Amino acid sequence: MNTETRVCQNCKRNFTIEPEDFDFYKKIQVPPPTWCPKCRLQRRLSFFNLFTLYRRKCDLCGELKVSSFPPGSPYRVYCPQCWWSDDWDPLEYSREYDFSKPFFEQFNSLLHEAPLLGISIDLPTSRESPFNHHAGHLKNCYLLFFADFCEDSAYGFYHVQTKALIDCSLASTSELCYDSMHIYKCSRGIGLRSHVTESIDCAFLKDCSNCQNCFASANLYNKKYHIFNKPYSKEEYFAEIKKWDLGSYKTYEEVKKLAETHWRKFTPKPRFDELSVRSTGNYVFESKNCRDCYEVVGVEDSRFLLMTYTPPIKDCYDYTSWGNNVSLMYECCVSGEYASNLRFCQESGINLYNAEYCKLSTGGSDHFGCVSMKKGKHCILNKPYTEREFQALREKIITHMTEMPYTDKKGRIYRYGEFFPFELSPHPYNDTVAQRFFPLSKEQAVGEGLVWQEPESREYTITKKASEIPDHIKDAADSILNETIGCLSCSRGFKITNTELRFLRKMNVPLPRKCPFCRIEEKFSQWMKNLAIKKRLCDKCGSEFETSYSKEEAPNILCKTCYLQEVV
């Protein structure tokens, strides 16, 4: 089939569907999309509340718990302990399919009645580490968002197989690191940035690999004992490094600024695609035949992926968040873990196969339009059928979705093959990741038929200003654990935890002056900038290539070929 240019139903801009895309749609038996890739991403992200948490009573046990749903939202919300328990039955909410109403209208009714998971964590995590979200397999972790297989870590997003990390984000297979992002196989690192790999006992590095005892440097490969990119002997290095006592907040911030200024002297790596072939996007690792993919690991033969990890991940399109042994995922968000052939699903997976239009389906197979189904086979709107009945009814529903489509408040038409309409999201738009990537004003959101949540008014009894806490970590007494510190950036008050204090003392780094959410926000904002791809010309060969760096961020830039020749 030839390349086709179509007009996006949402933004009205042209987009192309290429022969390889048509092949994928044919393989999984879905019609081609009517929305462009960016609008499809926005629609999926409007169902993805990653960071915004509230206090809300569980609708089963009645206890006040942390929840991603604000109090008063019109949904039945259970805390993780109750949702994962056997104290309720998803089949209690089953219903017959009504061919007199559009499918999405019926799904929305079920969505408002079946119990939803208050915060997205598994049962062991809810016992060991209850204050995390979109996370699993955690032990003694606190305020991690989008994390898996972690221990003794806090305050960050996108953690995979980490141990003893504080204020780190986009970290994998690392331990004992502080205030770092985009790190892989690092240990005892401080202030690392923009992809530092396989390095030990380093501080304030950028774009470095396989380094040991290096400080405030960039573009180092297989080096030891460098300070501001200047080599030293071992004895000279440790004598010189004593001048920078990072336990002092004043010194820490001074070195941080000096390092950032120093980094700008070096040509940055144009794009991060280690061990990847025939791939486009950024932060694509150990992958092949991946186009328009961002922040992915171990992906093959896929397109339009964001934030997927733990391979294998194969034959997926328009797939946002998670991974862990999946295949044939299409228009899914926050779905994964031994899952295959999922279409138009959100927050579903964990040994789930052949599911369509499901929210919180886990385990089992052949689910269609289900909410909070746990295991079971051949279910439609939470009602079980025989295999023959299921297949026959599914075909009728697909035909019905085409003949009686759902039309939203903006006149957009949803037939079979479209992800859930914006207005069906159970989260306020400004609570979701969509607001970060595709910001709307309150008036715009309401005009789109979306829910908008006004920020909660919270009062904090501040017992100590950030300016009043000790400059050096050695002067921080245990009594600091009893203080509520006023954040330098927002109106929140925050506390230092016992685990955090022990870690800061061990690493000799200062007490924070900003609340955890502001610290996470700084890294998330930087990450968003890193994902934005721009066209640049190589300063050496003149060829055009893609990079995340603007002219202001990196006046000098090289294409990947020239970078490997000149730097590595």
Protein backbone atom coordinates (compact mmCIF):
# COMPACT_ATOMS: atom_id res chain seq x y z
CA MET A 1 0.00 0.00 0.00
CA ASN A 2 1.24 3.50 -0.82
CA THR A 3 1.81 6.39 1.58
CA GLU A 4 -1.36 8.36 2.23
CA THR A 5 -1.83 11.90 3.49
CA ARG A 6 -4.89 12.43 5.67
CA VAL A 7 -6.37 15.30 7.67
CA CYS A 8 -6.37 14.91 11.45
CA GLN A 9 -9.91 14.89 12.82
CA ASN A 10 -8.73 16.85 15.86
CA CYS A 11 -6.19 19.51 14.81
CA LYS A 12 -7.14 19.54 11.09
CA ARG A 13 -3.48 19.28 10.05
CA ASN A 14 -2.18 16.84 7.47
CA PHE A 15 -0.41 13.67 8.57
CA THR A 16 0.93 10.72 6.64
CA ILE A 17 0.34 7.01 6.99
CA GLU A 18 3.18 5.01 5.50
CA PRO A 19 3.14 1.49 4.00
CA GLU A 20 4.74 0.00 7.14
CA ASP A 21 1.99 1.60 9.22
CA PHE A 22 -0.72 0.07 7.06
CA ASP A 23 0.99 -3.31 7.44
CA PHE A 24 0.80 -3.02 11.22
CA TYR A 25 -2.87 -1.99 11.22
CA LYS A 26 -3.64 -4.93 8.97
CA LYS A 27 -1.73 -7.31 11.27
CA ILE A 28 -3.76 -6.35 14.33
CA GLN A 29 -7.00 -5.85 12.35
CA VAL A 30 -7.79 -2.23 13.14
CA PRO A 31 -8.70 0.64 10.79
CA PRO A 32 -6.08 3.35 10.17
CA PRO A 33 -6.20 6.28 12.63
CA THR A 34 -8.16 9.46 11.97
CA TRP A 35 -6.01 11.51 14.39
CA CYS A 36 -2.39 12.54 13.79
CA PRO A 37 0.37 11.09 16.02
CA LYS A 38 0.61 14.17 18.29
CA CYS A 39 -3.13 14.33 18.87
CA ARG A 40 -3.22 10.60 19.55
CA LEU A 41 -0.49 11.09 22.16
CA GLN A 42 -2.36 13.96 23.79
CA ARG A 43 -5.51 11.86 23.97
CA ARG A 44 -3.70 8.98 25.68
CA LEU A 45 -1.87 11.28 28.09
CA SER A 46 -5.15 12.88 29.14
CA PHE A 47 -5.86 9.59 30.97
CA PHE A 48 -2.43 9.53 32.66
CA ASN A 49 -2.23 11.26 36.04
CA LEU A 50 1.35 10.67 37.08
CA PHE A 51 2.15 13.23 39.78
CA THR A 52 -1.01 14.78 41.27
CA LEU A 53 -2.12 13.15 44.52
CA TYR A 54 -4.92 13.85 46.98
CA ARG A 55 -6.27 12.62 50.28
CA ARG A 56 -9.53 10.77 49.76
CA LYS A 57 -11.52 8.15 51.67
CA CYS A 58 -11.54 4.66 50.20
CA ASP A 59 -15.08 3.83 49.11
CA LEU A 60 -14.75 0.30 50.54
CA CYS A 61 -12.85 0.47 53.83
CA GLY A 62 -13.64 4.13 54.52
CA GLU A 63 -10.08 5.00 55.54
CA LEU A 64 -8.44 8.22 54.40
CA LYS A 65 -5.81 7.27 51.83
CA VAL A 66 -3.60 8.82 49.17
CA SER A 67 -5.39 8.85 45.82
CA SER A 68 -4.90 10.15 42.29
CA PHE A 69 -8.60 11.11 42.28
CA PRO A 70 -9.68 14.31 44.03
CA PRO A 71 -12.32 14.09 46.75
CA GLY A 72 -15.77 14.44 45.28
CA SER A 73 -14.94 13.10 41.83
CA PRO A 74 -17.89 10.96 40.66
CA TYR A 75 -16.14 7.58 40.72
CA ARG A 76 -16.01 4.63 43.07
CA VAL A 77 -12.37 4.64 44.23
CA TYR A 78 -10.72 1.91 46.31
CA CYS A 79 -7.34 2.03 48.01
CA PRO A 80 -4.82 -0.54 46.67
CA GLN A 81 -5.30 -2.92 49.61
CA CYS A 82 -9.04 -3.04 48.95
CA TRP A 83 -8.87 -3.01 45.15
CA TRP A 84 -6.49 -5.98 44.98
CA SER A 85 -8.42 -7.91 47.64
CA ASP A 86 -11.17 -10.50 47.19
CA ASP A 87 -13.64 -8.37 49.13
CA TRP A 88 -15.51 -7.39 45.98
CA ASP A 89 -16.38 -8.97 42.65
CA PRO A 90 -15.96 -7.21 39.27
CA LEU A 91 -18.86 -9.27 37.90
CA GLU A 92 -21.22 -7.39 40.24
CA TYR A 93 -20.94 -4.46 37.83
CA SER A 94 -21.57 -6.44 34.64
CA ARG A 95 -24.26 -5.38 32.20
CA GLU A 96 -25.80 -6.39 28.89
CA TYR A 97 -24.69 -4.56 25.80
CA ASP A 98 -27.32 -2.05 24.66
CA PHE A 99 -27.43 -1.60 20.90
CA SER A 100 -29.60 1.50 21.28
CA LYS A 101 -26.65 3.50 22.72
CA PRO A 102 -23.11 4.21 21.50
CA PHE A 103 -20.44 1.96 22.98
CA PHE A 104 -18.50 4.76 24.69
CA GLU A 105 -21.64 5.96 26.45
CA GLN A 106 -22.09 2.49 27.94
CA PHE A 107 -18.41 2.22 28.83
CA ASN A 108 -18.55 5.59 30.59
CA SER A 109 -21.46 4.38 32.71
CA LEU A 110 -19.47 1.31 33.77
CA LEU A 111 -16.42 3.50 34.44
CA HIS A 112 -18.44 5.50 36.96
CA GLU A 113 -19.67 2.41 38.81
CA ALA A 114 -16.91 -0.20 38.87
CA PRO A 115 -14.19 0.41 41.51
CA LEU A 116 -11.11 2.26 40.30
CA LEU A 117 -7.63 1.88 41.78
CA GLY A 118 -6.83 4.94 43.88
CA ILE A 119 -3.10 4.89 43.27
CA SER A 120 -1.55 2.56 40.74
CA ILE A 121 0.68 0.24 42.78
CA ASP A 122 0.69 -3.52 43.28
CA LEU A 123 -0.28 -5.17 46.54
CA PRO A 124 3.25 -5.83 47.90
CA THR A 125 4.18 -2.21 47.17
CA SER A 126 1.04 -0.99 48.95
CA ARG A 127 2.32 -2.71 52.09
CA GLU A 128 6.02 -1.86 51.78
CA SER A 129 5.89 1.53 50.05
CA PRO A 130 2.36 2.97 49.94
CA PHE A 131 3.29 6.54 48.97
CA ASN A 132 4.28 5.98 45.34
CA HIS A 133 2.31 6.00 42.09
CA HIS A 134 2.41 4.01 38.85
CA ALA A 135 4.95 1.74 40.45
CA GLY A 136 5.53 -1.88 41.37
CA HIS A 137 7.97 -4.22 43.07
CA LEU A 138 9.11 -1.48 45.48
CA LYS A 139 10.64 -1.82 48.94
CA ASN A 140 11.10 1.10 51.30
CA CYS A 141 10.54 3.75 48.62
CA TYR A 142 8.81 7.09 48.92
CA LEU A 143 7.35 9.43 46.31
CA LEU A 144 8.61 7.59 43.27
CA PHE A 145 6.52 7.97 40.14
CA PHE A 146 6.70 5.47 37.30
CA ALA A 147 9.08 3.04 38.95
CA ASP A 148 9.75 -0.70 39.03
CA PHE A 149 12.02 -3.01 41.01
CA CYS A 150 13.42 -0.35 43.36
CA GLU A 151 14.58 -0.23 46.95
CA ASP A 152 15.42 2.50 49.48
CA SER A 153 14.85 5.30 46.94
CA ALA A 154 12.81 8.49 47.01
CA TYR A 155 11.78 11.61 45.11
CA GLY A 156 11.98 10.90 41.41
CA PHE A 157 10.32 9.54 38.28
CA TYR A 158 11.23 6.77 35.88
CA HIS A 159 13.25 4.43 38.10
CA VAL A 160 14.07 0.87 37.02
CA GLN A 161 16.12 -1.43 39.23
CA THR A 162 17.53 1.25 41.51
CA LYS A 163 18.72 1.13 45.10
CA ALA A 164 19.41 4.00 47.49
CA LEU A 165 18.77 6.91 45.12
CA ILE A 166 17.51 10.27 46.37
CA ASP A 167 16.36 13.11 44.11
CA CYS A 168 17.18 11.17 40.95
CA SER A 169 15.08 10.65 37.85
CA LEU A 170 15.38 8.64 34.66
CA ALA A 171 17.66 6.19 36.43
CA SER A 172 18.30 2.54 35.71
CA THR A 173 20.41 -0.14 37.35
CA SER A 174 22.11 2.35 39.68
CA GLU A 175 22.72 2.74 43.39
CA LEU A 176 23.83 5.37 45.89
CA CYS A 177 23.26 8.38 43.66
CA TYR A 178 21.99 11.85 44.48
CA ASP A 179 20.49 14.70 42.44
CA SER A 180 21.10 12.97 39.11
CA MET A 181 19.15 12.24 35.94
CA HIS A 182 19.62 10.01 32.93
CA ILE A 183 22.01 7.61 34.59
CA TYR A 184 22.66 3.95 33.86
CA LYS A 185 24.82 1.55 35.87
CA CYS A 186 26.20 4.29 38.08
CA SER A 187 27.23 4.11 41.71
CA ARG A 188 28.07 6.83 44.23
CA GLY A 189 27.24 9.61 41.81
CA ILE A 190 26.27 13.20 42.59
CA GLY A 191 24.81 15.82 40.25
CA LEU A 192 25.12 13.66 37.12
CA ARG A 193 23.30 14.85 33.98
CA SER A 194 22.28 13.93 30.48
CA HIS A 195 23.26 10.34 30.26
CA VAL A 196 26.16 9.23 32.39
CA THR A 197 26.74 5.49 32.18
CA GLU A 198 28.80 2.86 33.98
CA SER A 199 30.57 5.38 36.22
CA ILE A 200 31.65 5.26 39.87
CA ASP A 201 32.50 7.94 42.43
CA CYS A 202 31.82 10.87 40.11
CA ALA A 203 30.14 14.24 40.56
CA PHE A 204 28.67 16.77 38.11
CA LEU A 205 29.40 14.89 34.91
CA LYS A 206 27.56 15.30 31.62
CA ASP A 207 27.66 12.97 28.62
CA CYS A 208 30.25 10.65 30.12
CA SER A 209 30.79 6.90 30.16
CA ASN A 210 32.92 4.43 32.10
CA CYS A 211 34.49 7.02 34.37
CA GLN A 212 35.81 6.78 37.89
CA ASN A 213 36.67 9.59 40.28
CA CYS A 214 35.89 12.40 37.86
CA PHE A 215 34.49 15.80 38.80
CA ALA A 216 32.66 18.61 36.97
CA SER A 217 33.49 17.41 33.46
CA ALA A 218 31.85 16.59 30.14
CA ASN A 219 32.45 14.20 27.23
CA LEU A 220 34.75 11.89 29.15
CA TYR A 221 35.05 8.28 28.07
CA ASN A 222 37.03 5.64 29.97
CA LYS A 223 38.74 8.20 32.20
CA LYS A 224 39.88 8.51 35.80
CA TYR A 225 40.91 11.43 37.98
CA HIS A 226 39.67 14.40 35.95
CA ILE A 227 38.52 17.74 37.37
CA PHE A 228 36.92 20.22 34.95
CA ASN A 229 38.24 17.90 32.21
CA LYS A 230 41.82 18.30 33.39
CA PRO A 231 43.66 15.04 34.16
CA TYR A 232 45.38 14.55 37.52
CA SER A 233 47.36 11.81 39.14
CA LYS A 234 45.50 9.85 41.79
CA GLU A 235 47.23 11.68 44.62
CA GLU A 236 46.73 15.08 43.00
CA TYR A 237 43.07 14.36 42.34
CA PHE A 238 42.18 13.56 45.94
CA ALA A 239 44.19 16.52 47.20
CA GLU A 240 42.43 18.88 44.79
CA ILE A 241 38.96 17.47 45.38
CA LYS A 242 39.15 18.31 49.06
CA LYS A 243 38.68 21.96 48.09
CA TRP A 244 35.07 21.22 47.18
CA ASP A 245 33.15 20.15 50.24
CA LEU A 246 29.77 19.20 48.78
CA GLY A 247 28.25 18.80 52.23
CA SER A 248 27.87 22.58 52.25
CA TYR A 249 24.77 23.86 50.45
CA LYS A 250 26.60 27.03 49.44
CA THR A 251 29.50 25.04 47.97
CA TYR A 252 27.18 22.52 46.32
CA GLU A 253 25.25 25.23 44.49
CA GLU A 254 28.49 27.01 43.52
CA VAL A 255 29.99 23.85 42.00
CA LYS A 256 26.73 23.08 40.25
CA LYS A 257 26.75 26.45 38.49
CA LEU A 258 30.45 26.19 37.64
CA ALA A 259 29.89 22.73 36.16
CA GLU A 260 26.92 23.87 34.06
CA THR A 261 28.99 26.75 32.69
CA HIS A 262 31.88 24.38 32.00
CA TRP A 263 29.65 21.86 30.20
CA ARG A 264 28.64 24.48 27.65
CA LYS A 265 32.23 24.61 26.40
CA PHE A 266 31.86 21.09 25.00
CA THR A 267 29.96 19.85 22.02
CA PRO A 268 27.09 17.73 23.40
CA LYS A 269 26.12 14.35 22.12
CA PRO A 270 23.48 15.12 19.48
CA ARG A 271 21.17 12.22 20.25
CA PHE A 272 21.14 9.25 22.60
CA ASP A 273 20.62 5.97 20.78
CA GLU A 274 23.17 3.56 22.20
CA LEU A 275 23.12 0.03 20.82
CA SER A 276 20.24 0.92 18.51
CA VAL A 277 19.92 0.62 14.74
CA ARG A 278 17.48 2.04 12.23
CA SER A 279 15.78 4.10 14.93
CA THR A 280 14.63 7.71 15.26
CA GLY A 281 13.62 9.81 18.24
CA ASN A 282 15.75 10.25 21.36
CA TYR A 283 16.86 8.17 24.33
CA VAL A 284 16.40 4.96 22.36
CA PHE A 285 18.51 2.16 23.81
CA GLU A 286 19.17 -1.42 22.73
CA SER A 287 16.50 -1.18 20.05
CA LYS A 288 16.06 -1.73 16.33
CA ASN A 289 13.57 -0.62 13.72
CA CYS A 290 12.03 1.95 16.05
CA ARG A 291 10.76 5.20 14.62
CA ASP A 292 9.56 8.24 16.52
CA CYS A 293 10.32 6.61 19.86
CA TYR A 294 11.40 8.42 23.03
CA GLU A 295 12.80 7.12 26.30
CA VAL A 296 12.57 3.43 25.40
CA VAL A 297 14.67 0.34 26.04
CA GLY A 298 14.73 -2.97 24.17
CA VAL A 299 12.13 -2.11 21.54
CA GLU A 300 11.83 -3.76 18.14
CA ASP A 301 9.72 -3.03 15.05
CA SER A 302 7.66 -0.28 16.69
CA ARG A 303 6.62 3.34 16.24
CA PHE A 304 5.33 6.24 18.35
CA LEU A 305 6.43 4.88 21.74
CA LEU A 306 7.14 6.87 24.90
CA MET A 307 8.49 5.69 28.29
CA THR A 308 8.67 1.94 27.80
CA TYR A 309 11.22 -0.30 29.50
CA THR A 310 12.11 -3.89 30.40
CA PRO A 311 12.28 -5.76 27.09
CA PRO A 312 11.20 -7.51 25.03
CA ILE A 313 8.87 -4.89 23.58
CA LYS A 314 7.95 -5.80 20.05
CA ASP A 315 5.48 -4.82 17.31
CA CYS A 316 3.85 -1.90 19.13
CA TYR A 317 2.39 1.40 17.89
CA ASP A 318 1.13 4.45 19.78
CA TYR A 319 2.12 2.92 23.09
CA THR A 320 2.82 5.14 26.10
CA SER A 321 4.31 3.99 29.39
CA TRP A 322 5.33 0.65 30.85
CA GLY A 323 6.53 -2.41 28.97
CA ASN A 324 8.02 -5.55 30.56
CA ASN A 325 7.60 -8.30 27.95
CA VAL A 326 4.85 -7.04 25.68
CA SER A 327 3.90 -7.27 22.03
CA LEU A 328 1.21 -6.06 19.67
CA MET A 329 0.19 -3.09 21.80
CA TYR A 330 -1.75 -0.37 19.99
CA GLU A 331 -3.13 2.92 21.35
CA CYS A 332 -2.42 1.87 24.95
CA CYS A 333 -1.31 3.90 27.95
CA VAL A 334 0.16 2.61 31.22
CA SER A 335 -0.23 -1.02 30.20
CA GLY A 336 2.19 -3.92 30.25
CA GLU A 337 3.91 -6.80 32.07
CA TYR A 338 3.48 -10.01 30.12
CA ALA A 339 0.73 -8.63 27.92
CA SER A 340 -0.01 -9.06 24.23
CA ASN A 341 -2.54 -7.91 21.67
CA LEU A 342 -3.93 -5.05 23.72
CA ARG A 343 -5.77 -2.35 21.80
CA PHE A 344 -7.16 0.92 23.18
CA CYS A 345 -6.43 -0.07 26.80
CA GLN A 346 -5.46 2.09 29.74
CA GLU A 347 -3.82 0.98 32.99
CA SER A 348 -4.16 -2.69 32.05
CA GLY A 349 -1.97 -5.76 31.74
CA ILE A 350 -0.14 -8.20 34.05
CA ASN A 351 -0.70 -11.45 32.17
CA LEU A 352 -3.49 -10.02 30.02
CA TYR A 353 -4.03 -11.10 26.43
CA ASN A 354 -6.43 -10.02 23.70
CA ALA A 355 -8.10 -7.03 25.31
CA GLU A 356 -9.81 -3.99 23.79
CA TYR A 357 -11.18 -0.80 25.32
CA CYS A 358 -10.37 -1.82 28.87
CA LYS A 359 -9.50 0.16 31.98
CA LEU A 360 -7.74 -1.67 34.81
CA SER A 361 -8.11 -5.14 33.33
CA THR A 362 -5.46 -7.43 34.83
CA GLY A 363 -4.92 -11.05 33.94
CA GLY A 364 -7.12 -13.27 31.81
CA SER A 365 -7.90 -12.86 28.13
CA ASP A 366 -10.49 -11.66 25.65
CA HIS A 367 -11.83 -8.63 27.50
CA PHE A 368 -13.81 -5.96 25.65
CA GLY A 369 -15.03 -2.74 27.26
CA CYS A 370 -14.26 -3.94 30.78
CA VAL A 371 -13.39 -1.93 33.89
CA SER A 372 -11.41 -3.39 36.78
CA MET A 373 -11.72 -6.99 35.61
CA LYS A 374 -9.30 -9.23 37.48
CA LYS A 375 -8.65 -12.40 35.51
CA GLY A 376 -11.50 -14.10 33.69
CA LYS A 377 -12.02 -14.84 30.01
CA HIS A 378 -14.44 -13.73 27.29
CA CYS A 379 -15.94 -10.74 29.11
CA ILE A 380 -17.77 -7.75 27.62
CA LEU A 381 -18.72 -4.86 29.91
CA ASN A 382 -17.64 -7.13 32.78
CA LYS A 383 -20.12 -9.85 31.80
CA PRO A 384 -18.68 -13.32 31.02
CA TYR A 385 -19.70 -15.25 27.92
CA THR A 386 -18.80 -18.51 26.27
CA GLU A 387 -16.05 -18.21 23.68
CA ARG A 388 -18.53 -18.54 20.80
CA GLU A 389 -20.91 -15.99 22.33
CA PHE A 390 -18.04 -13.59 22.98
CA GLN A 391 -16.71 -13.70 19.42
CA ALA A 392 -20.16 -13.23 17.89
CA LEU A 393 -21.07 -10.33 20.18
CA ARG A 394 -17.69 -8.67 19.72
CA GLU A 395 -18.17 -8.59 15.94
CA LYS A 396 -21.64 -7.11 16.36
CA ILE A 397 -20.31 -4.41 18.71
CA ILE A 398 -17.55 -3.43 16.31
CA THR A 399 -20.12 -3.05 13.54
CA HIS A 400 -22.37 -1.11 15.92
CA MET A 401 -19.53 1.24 16.86
CA THR A 402 -19.18 2.10 13.18
CA GLU A 403 -22.88 2.46 12.49
CA MET A 404 -23.68 4.33 15.75
CA PRO A 405 -20.46 6.17 16.63
CA TYR A 406 -19.96 8.31 19.70
CA THR A 407 -19.79 12.06 19.06
CA ASP A 408 -18.15 14.24 21.68
CA LYS A 409 -18.97 17.84 22.61
CA LYS A 410 -16.60 19.16 19.95
CA GLY A 411 -18.22 17.08 17.23
CA ARG A 412 -15.36 14.61 16.93
CA ILE A 413 -16.53 11.16 15.90
CA TYR A 414 -15.34 7.98 17.63
CA ARG A 415 -15.81 4.70 15.83
CA TYR A 416 -14.05 1.40 16.45
CA GLY A 417 -10.33 2.09 16.12
CA GLU A 418 -10.20 5.28 18.20
CA PHE A 419 -8.84 5.52 21.74
CA PHE A 420 -11.22 6.69 24.48
CA PRO A 421 -12.63 10.21 23.99
CA PHE A 422 -10.96 12.99 25.97
CA GLU A 423 -14.12 13.66 27.96
CA LEU A 424 -14.21 10.10 29.33
CA SER A 425 -10.98 10.55 31.26
CA PRO A 426 -11.60 10.05 35.00
CA HIS A 427 -8.91 12.65 35.78
CA PRO A 428 -9.08 16.44 35.47
CA TYR A 429 -7.08 17.47 32.41
CA ASN A 430 -4.73 19.70 34.41
CA ASP A 431 -3.85 16.75 36.67
CA THR A 432 -2.59 14.67 33.76
CA VAL A 433 0.66 14.48 31.83
CA ALA A 434 -1.25 15.82 28.81
CA GLN A 435 -1.30 19.25 30.46
CA ARG A 436 2.50 19.16 30.59
CA PHE A 437 3.02 18.25 26.94
CA PHE A 438 -0.09 19.94 25.52
CA PRO A 439 -1.01 22.75 27.94
CA LEU A 440 -4.52 24.21 27.90
CA SER A 441 -6.01 27.08 29.85
CA LYS A 442 -8.99 26.38 32.06
CA GLU A 443 -11.27 28.01 29.49
CA GLN A 444 -9.84 25.91 26.66
CA ALA A 445 -10.19 22.69 28.65
CA VAL A 446 -13.77 23.39 29.66
CA GLY A 447 -14.53 24.30 26.06
CA GLU A 448 -13.23 20.87 25.04
CA GLY A 449 -15.66 19.27 27.47
CA LEU A 450 -12.90 18.37 29.91
CA VAL A 451 -12.86 18.51 33.69
CA TRP A 452 -10.62 21.08 35.36
CA GLN A 453 -9.55 20.79 39.00
CA GLU A 454 -8.76 23.90 41.00
CA PRO A 455 -5.64 23.45 43.15
CA GLU A 456 -6.32 22.37 46.69
CA SER A 457 -5.88 25.03 49.32
CA ARG A 458 -3.55 23.58 51.92
CA GLU A 459 -2.15 25.26 54.98
CA TYR A 460 1.30 24.32 56.23
CA THR A 461 2.58 25.14 59.67
CA ILE A 462 6.11 26.12 58.75
CA THR A 463 8.45 25.68 61.71
CA LYS A 464 11.68 26.54 59.91
CA LYS A 465 12.45 28.56 56.82
CA ALA A 466 14.79 27.10 54.22
CA SER A 467 17.21 29.93 54.97
CA GLU A 468 17.34 28.86 58.61
CA ILE A 469 18.48 25.26 58.18
CA PRO A 470 22.20 24.45 58.58
CA ASP A 471 24.43 25.09 55.58
CA HIS A 472 26.42 21.89 56.12
CA ILE A 473 24.95 18.44 56.54
CA LYS A 474 27.35 17.73 59.45
CA ASP A 475 25.59 20.47 61.41
CA ALA A 476 22.12 19.01 60.85
CA ALA A 477 20.96 17.55 64.16
CA ASP A 478 18.39 14.76 64.38
CA SER A 479 15.90 17.40 65.52
CA ILE A 480 15.60 18.50 61.86
CA LEU A 481 13.28 15.50 61.44
CA ASN A 482 10.70 17.30 63.59
CA GLU A 483 10.72 20.48 61.51
CA THR A 484 8.37 21.47 58.69
CA ILE A 485 10.55 23.38 56.24
CA GLY A 486 9.18 26.04 53.94
CA CYS A 487 9.96 25.34 50.28
CA LEU A 488 12.02 28.00 48.50
CA SER A 489 9.97 27.65 45.30
CA CYS A 490 6.35 27.12 46.36
CA SER A 491 4.08 27.50 49.35
CA ARG A 492 4.41 23.89 50.49
CA GLY A 493 5.98 22.74 53.70
CA PHE A 494 7.98 19.53 53.71
CA LYS A 495 9.78 17.26 56.13
CA ILE A 496 13.09 15.46 56.02
CA THR A 497 12.63 11.71 56.52
CA ASN A 498 14.90 9.58 58.65
CA THR A 499 16.01 7.52 55.62
CA GLU A 500 16.76 10.70 53.71
CA LEU A 501 18.82 12.21 56.52
CA ARG A 502 20.94 9.08 56.88
CA PHE A 503 21.52 9.06 53.11
CA LEU A 504 22.52 12.74 52.96
CA ARG A 505 25.00 12.25 55.79
CA LYS A 506 26.46 9.15 54.16
CA MET A 507 26.87 10.90 50.79
CA ASN A 508 27.98 14.20 52.37
CA VAL A 509 25.45 16.34 50.51
CA PRO A 510 23.36 19.15 51.99
CA LEU A 511 19.78 19.29 53.19
CA PRO A 512 17.34 20.26 50.43
CA ARG A 513 15.82 23.73 50.31
CA LYS A 514 12.92 22.79 48.02
CA CYS A 515 10.06 20.39 48.55
CA PRO A 516 10.17 16.96 46.84
CA PHE A 517 7.60 17.95 44.20
CA CYS A 518 9.58 21.01 43.13
CA ARG A 519 12.75 18.92 42.94
CA ILE A 520 11.00 16.35 40.77
CA GLU A 521 9.45 19.11 38.66
CA GLU A 522 12.86 20.58 37.82
CA LYS A 523 14.03 17.30 36.32
CA PHE A 524 10.74 16.62 34.56
CA SER A 525 10.85 20.03 32.89
CA GLN A 526 14.42 19.43 31.75
CA TRP A 527 13.44 16.00 30.44
CA MET A 528 10.63 17.52 28.38
CA LYS A 529 13.14 19.89 26.77
CA ASN A 530 15.40 16.95 25.99
CA LEU A 531 12.58 15.20 24.14
CA ALA A 532 11.93 18.10 21.78
CA ILE A 533 13.68 17.27 18.51
CA LYS A 534 15.06 20.03 16.28
CA LYS A 535 16.81 20.15 12.92
CA ARG A 536 20.43 21.36 13.06
CA LEU A 537 23.40 21.49 10.70
CA CYS A 538 26.64 19.79 11.68
CA ASP A 539 29.43 22.30 12.32
CA LYS A 540 31.95 20.00 10.66
CA CYS A 541 30.35 18.26 7.66
CA GLY A 542 27.32 20.51 7.19
CA SER A 543 24.80 17.66 7.07
CA GLU A 544 21.34 18.12 8.59
CA PHE A 545 20.43 15.91 11.55
CA GLU A 546 18.05 15.75 14.49
CA THR A 547 18.97 16.78 18.02
CA SER A 548 17.27 18.03 21.16
CA TYR A 549 19.65 20.99 21.50
CA SER A 550 18.68 24.43 20.27
CA LYS A 551 21.23 26.99 19.08
CA GLU A 552 20.99 28.76 22.44
CA GLU A 553 21.57 25.57 24.44
CA ALA A 554 24.45 24.33 22.28
CA PRO A 555 26.04 26.90 19.94
CA ASN A 556 28.35 24.20 18.59
CA ILE A 557 26.94 20.85 17.50
CA LEU A 558 28.10 17.82 15.53
CA CYS A 559 26.18 15.06 13.82
CA LYS A 560 26.54 11.59 15.31
CA THR A 561 29.20 10.51 12.81
CA CYS A 562 31.38 13.54 13.44
CA TYR A 563 30.77 13.37 17.18
CA LEU A 564 32.06 9.80 17.29
CA GLN A 565 35.12 10.82 15.29
CA GLU A 566 35.91 13.97 17.27
CA VAL A 567 34.88 13.13 20.83
CA VAL A 568 34.64 9.43 21.55
